[in-house]
Amino acid sequence: INHRVTLWLPWRIGFVRGGNHSIASGVLAGEGEVIPDTVYDMRYLLDIVSTDGYYWYMSGKICERVSDYRTAAFFEIGRLLTL
């Protein structure tokens, strides 16, 4: 099988390399199951890194300015998914 899926947790996003069309067909039909060959569990970052949309904080201290609010929002959505 030519399916290669990398899963990012806690966001539950799978990046597909190969088999895109058959995976898309399965998703649209609500059928099948895909088992990722690689899983990156980055939940531990949620204990260390946070953002207010303006700055990134590491262990409560300003690390750097947020360059794109969408990235900050995406990161914090991961936090909400772990509740």
N, C-alpha and C. Protein backbone atom coordinates (compact mmCIF):
# COMPACT_ATOMS: atom_id res chain seq x y z
N ILE A 1 0.86 -1.18 0.00
CA ILE A 1 0.00 0.00 0.00
C ILE A 1 0.89 1.23 0.00
N ASN A 2 0.48 2.23 -0.76
CA ASN A 2 1.29 3.44 -0.89
C ASN A 2 0.85 4.57 0.03
N HIS A 3 0.06 4.25 1.05
CA HIS A 3 -0.41 5.28 1.98
C HIS A 3 0.65 5.57 3.03
N ARG A 4 0.96 6.83 3.20
CA ARG A 4 1.87 7.27 4.25
C ARG A 4 1.20 8.44 4.96
N VAL A 5 0.95 8.28 6.24
CA VAL A 5 0.26 9.32 7.01
C VAL A 5 1.08 9.65 8.25
N THR A 6 1.29 10.94 8.46
CA THR A 6 1.93 11.42 9.68
C THR A 6 0.88 12.15 10.49
N LEU A 7 0.71 11.76 11.74
CA LEU A 7 -0.31 12.35 12.60
C LEU A 7 0.32 13.27 13.62
N TRP A 8 -0.24 14.47 13.75
CA TRP A 8 0.21 15.45 14.75
C TRP A 8 -0.83 15.52 15.85
N LEU A 9 -0.42 15.20 17.06
CA LEU A 9 -1.28 15.33 18.23
C LEU A 9 -0.83 16.53 19.05
N PRO A 10 -1.67 17.24 19.71
CA PRO A 10 -3.08 16.97 19.98
C PRO A 10 -4.03 17.49 18.91
N TRP A 11 -3.51 18.02 17.83
CA TRP A 11 -4.36 18.66 16.82
C TRP A 11 -5.14 17.66 15.98
N ARG A 12 -4.73 16.40 16.02
CA ARG A 12 -5.42 15.34 15.26
C ARG A 12 -5.42 15.64 13.77
N ILE A 13 -4.30 16.15 13.29
CA ILE A 13 -4.16 16.45 11.87
C ILE A 13 -3.24 15.42 11.26
N GLY A 14 -3.69 14.82 10.16
CA GLY A 14 -2.87 13.85 9.46
C GLY A 14 -2.37 14.43 8.15
N PHE A 15 -1.08 14.30 7.93
CA PHE A 15 -0.47 14.74 6.67
C PHE A 15 -0.27 13.50 5.81
N VAL A 16 -0.87 13.50 4.64
CA VAL A 16 -0.88 12.33 3.76
C VAL A 16 0.17 12.48 2.67
N ARG A 17 0.94 11.42 2.51
CA ARG A 17 1.91 11.35 1.41
C ARG A 17 1.65 10.03 0.69
N GLY A 18 1.08 10.10 -0.45
CA GLY A 18 0.74 8.90 -1.21
C GLY A 18 -0.64 8.39 -0.83
N GLY A 19 -1.39 7.98 -1.82
CA GLY A 19 -2.73 7.47 -1.57
C GLY A 19 -3.76 8.55 -1.30
N ASN A 20 -3.45 9.77 -1.70
CA ASN A 20 -4.36 10.89 -1.41
C ASN A 20 -5.77 10.65 -1.92
N HIS A 21 -5.88 10.15 -3.15
CA HIS A 21 -7.21 10.00 -3.75
C HIS A 21 -8.02 8.92 -3.05
N SER A 22 -7.41 7.78 -2.75
CA SER A 22 -8.17 6.72 -2.08
C SER A 22 -8.51 7.11 -0.65
N ILE A 23 -7.63 7.83 0.03
CA ILE A 23 -7.94 8.29 1.38
C ILE A 23 -9.08 9.31 1.34
N ALA A 24 -9.03 10.23 0.39
CA ALA A 24 -10.11 11.22 0.26
C ALA A 24 -11.44 10.53 -0.03
N SER A 25 -11.43 9.51 -0.87
CA SER A 25 -12.65 8.77 -1.17
C SER A 25 -13.21 8.12 0.08
N GLY A 26 -12.34 7.53 0.89
CA GLY A 26 -12.77 6.90 2.13
C GLY A 26 -13.34 7.90 3.11
N VAL A 27 -12.71 9.06 3.21
CA VAL A 27 -13.21 10.11 4.11
C VAL A 27 -14.59 10.57 3.67
N LEU A 28 -14.74 10.83 2.37
CA LEU A 28 -16.03 11.31 1.85
C LEU A 28 -17.13 10.27 2.01
N ALA A 29 -16.77 8.99 1.89
CA ALA A 29 -17.75 7.92 2.03
C ALA A 29 -17.96 7.52 3.49
N GLY A 30 -17.10 8.03 4.38
CA GLY A 30 -17.20 7.67 5.80
C GLY A 30 -16.83 6.22 6.04
N GLU A 31 -15.91 5.70 5.23
CA GLU A 31 -15.52 4.29 5.32
C GLU A 31 -14.02 4.15 5.51
N GLY A 32 -13.63 3.01 6.01
CA GLY A 32 -12.22 2.68 6.10
C GLY A 32 -11.55 3.25 7.33
N GLU A 33 -10.30 2.90 7.45
CA GLU A 33 -9.49 3.33 8.59
C GLU A 33 -8.06 3.51 8.11
N VAL A 34 -7.44 4.57 8.56
CA VAL A 34 -6.05 4.82 8.20
C VAL A 34 -5.23 4.81 9.48
N ILE A 35 -4.20 4.03 9.49
CA ILE A 35 -3.31 3.97 10.65
C ILE A 35 -2.04 4.72 10.29
N PRO A 36 -1.71 5.77 11.03
CA PRO A 36 -0.52 6.56 10.69
C PRO A 36 0.75 5.75 10.89
N ASP A 37 1.73 5.99 10.02
CA ASP A 37 3.01 5.30 10.19
C ASP A 37 3.94 6.10 11.10
N THR A 38 3.63 7.39 11.30
CA THR A 38 4.41 8.24 12.20
C THR A 38 3.45 9.10 13.01
N VAL A 39 3.70 9.19 14.31
CA VAL A 39 2.88 10.05 15.18
C VAL A 39 3.81 10.97 15.95
N TYR A 40 3.54 12.27 15.85
CA TYR A 40 4.27 13.26 16.64
C TYR A 40 3.32 13.76 17.73
N ASP A 41 3.57 13.33 18.95
CA ASP A 41 2.74 13.74 20.07
C ASP A 41 3.41 14.94 20.74
N MET A 42 2.88 16.12 20.46
CA MET A 42 3.50 17.35 20.94
C MET A 42 2.74 17.96 22.11
N ARG A 43 1.95 17.13 22.79
CA ARG A 43 1.19 17.64 23.94
C ARG A 43 2.10 18.17 25.04
N TYR A 44 3.30 17.62 25.15
CA TYR A 44 4.22 18.09 26.19
C TYR A 44 4.55 19.57 26.02
N LEU A 45 4.48 20.08 24.79
CA LEU A 45 4.76 21.50 24.55
C LEU A 45 3.73 22.40 25.23
N LEU A 46 2.52 21.89 25.40
CA LEU A 46 1.47 22.70 26.01
C LEU A 46 1.77 23.02 27.46
N ASP A 47 2.61 22.21 28.10
CA ASP A 47 3.01 22.49 29.48
C ASP A 47 4.13 23.53 29.55
N ILE A 48 4.82 23.73 28.45
CA ILE A 48 6.00 24.60 28.43
C ILE A 48 5.74 25.92 27.71
N VAL A 49 5.02 25.84 26.58
CA VAL A 49 4.83 26.99 25.70
C VAL A 49 3.37 27.44 25.75
N SER A 50 3.17 28.75 25.71
CA SER A 50 1.82 29.31 25.63
C SER A 50 1.89 30.60 24.81
N THR A 51 0.73 31.11 24.47
CA THR A 51 0.68 32.36 23.71
C THR A 51 -0.60 33.12 24.06
N ASP A 52 -0.51 34.42 23.97
CA ASP A 52 -1.69 35.27 24.14
C ASP A 52 -2.10 35.87 22.80
N GLY A 53 -1.48 35.39 21.73
CA GLY A 53 -1.76 35.92 20.39
C GLY A 53 -0.83 37.04 19.99
N TYR A 54 -0.15 37.60 20.95
CA TYR A 54 0.82 38.67 20.69
C TYR A 54 2.25 38.20 20.91
N TYR A 55 2.43 37.38 21.95
CA TYR A 55 3.76 36.87 22.30
C TYR A 55 3.70 35.38 22.56
N TRP A 56 4.83 34.71 22.34
CA TRP A 56 5.03 33.33 22.75
C TRP A 56 5.72 33.37 24.11
N TYR A 57 5.28 32.51 25.00
CA TYR A 57 5.85 32.42 26.33
C TYR A 57 6.42 31.02 26.54
N MET A 58 7.56 30.95 27.14
CA MET A 58 8.14 29.68 27.53
C MET A 58 8.33 29.71 29.04
N SER A 59 7.67 28.79 29.71
CA SER A 59 7.68 28.74 31.18
C SER A 59 7.30 30.09 31.79
N GLY A 60 6.32 30.77 31.16
CA GLY A 60 5.79 32.01 31.69
C GLY A 60 6.55 33.27 31.32
N LYS A 61 7.67 33.14 30.61
CA LYS A 61 8.47 34.31 30.22
C LYS A 61 8.38 34.53 28.71
N ILE A 62 8.32 35.81 28.32
CA ILE A 62 8.24 36.14 26.90
C ILE A 62 9.43 35.56 26.16
N CYS A 63 9.11 34.86 25.11
CA CYS A 63 10.13 34.19 24.28
C CYS A 63 10.38 35.02 23.01
N GLU A 64 9.28 35.32 22.32
CA GLU A 64 9.37 36.15 21.11
C GLU A 64 7.98 36.62 20.72
N ARG A 65 7.94 37.57 19.81
CA ARG A 65 6.68 38.12 19.33
C ARG A 65 6.04 37.12 18.35
N VAL A 66 4.72 37.00 18.40
CA VAL A 66 4.00 36.15 17.45
C VAL A 66 4.04 36.81 16.09
N SER A 67 4.50 36.09 15.08
CA SER A 67 4.59 36.67 13.74
C SER A 67 3.29 36.50 12.95
N ASP A 68 2.47 35.52 13.32
CA ASP A 68 1.20 35.30 12.63
C ASP A 68 0.19 34.79 13.66
N TYR A 69 -0.84 35.56 13.90
CA TYR A 69 -1.83 35.20 14.92
C TYR A 69 -2.48 33.85 14.63
N ARG A 70 -2.53 33.45 13.36
CA ARG A 70 -3.14 32.16 13.02
C ARG A 70 -2.35 30.99 13.58
N THR A 71 -1.04 31.12 13.59
CA THR A 71 -0.20 30.08 14.18
C THR A 71 -0.45 29.99 15.68
N ALA A 72 -0.57 31.13 16.32
CA ALA A 72 -0.85 31.16 17.76
C ALA A 72 -2.22 30.54 18.04
N ALA A 73 -3.21 30.87 17.23
CA ALA A 73 -4.55 30.31 17.42
C ALA A 73 -4.53 28.80 17.22
N PHE A 74 -3.84 28.35 16.21
CA PHE A 74 -3.72 26.92 15.93
C PHE A 74 -3.10 26.19 17.13
N PHE A 75 -2.06 26.77 17.69
CA PHE A 75 -1.39 26.18 18.84
C PHE A 75 -2.36 26.07 20.02
N GLU A 76 -3.08 27.14 20.30
CA GLU A 76 -3.98 27.15 21.45
C GLU A 76 -5.20 26.25 21.23
N ILE A 77 -5.60 26.04 20.00
CA ILE A 77 -6.66 25.08 19.71
C ILE A 77 -6.23 23.69 20.17
N GLY A 78 -4.96 23.37 20.00
CA GLY A 78 -4.43 22.11 20.50
C GLY A 78 -4.63 21.97 22.00
N ARG A 79 -4.46 23.06 22.71
CA ARG A 79 -4.67 23.05 24.16
C ARG A 79 -6.14 22.73 24.47
N LEU A 80 -7.06 23.35 23.74
CA LEU A 80 -8.49 23.11 23.96
C LEU A 80 -8.86 21.66 23.66
N LEU A 81 -8.20 21.06 22.69
CA LEU A 81 -8.50 19.67 22.33
C LEU A 81 -8.07 18.68 23.40
N THR A 82 -7.21 19.10 24.30
CA THR A 82 -6.75 18.18 25.35
C THR A 82 -7.59 18.28 26.62
N LEU A 83 -8.52 19.21 26.67
CA LEU A 83 -9.36 19.37 27.87
C LEU A 83 -10.36 18.24 28.01
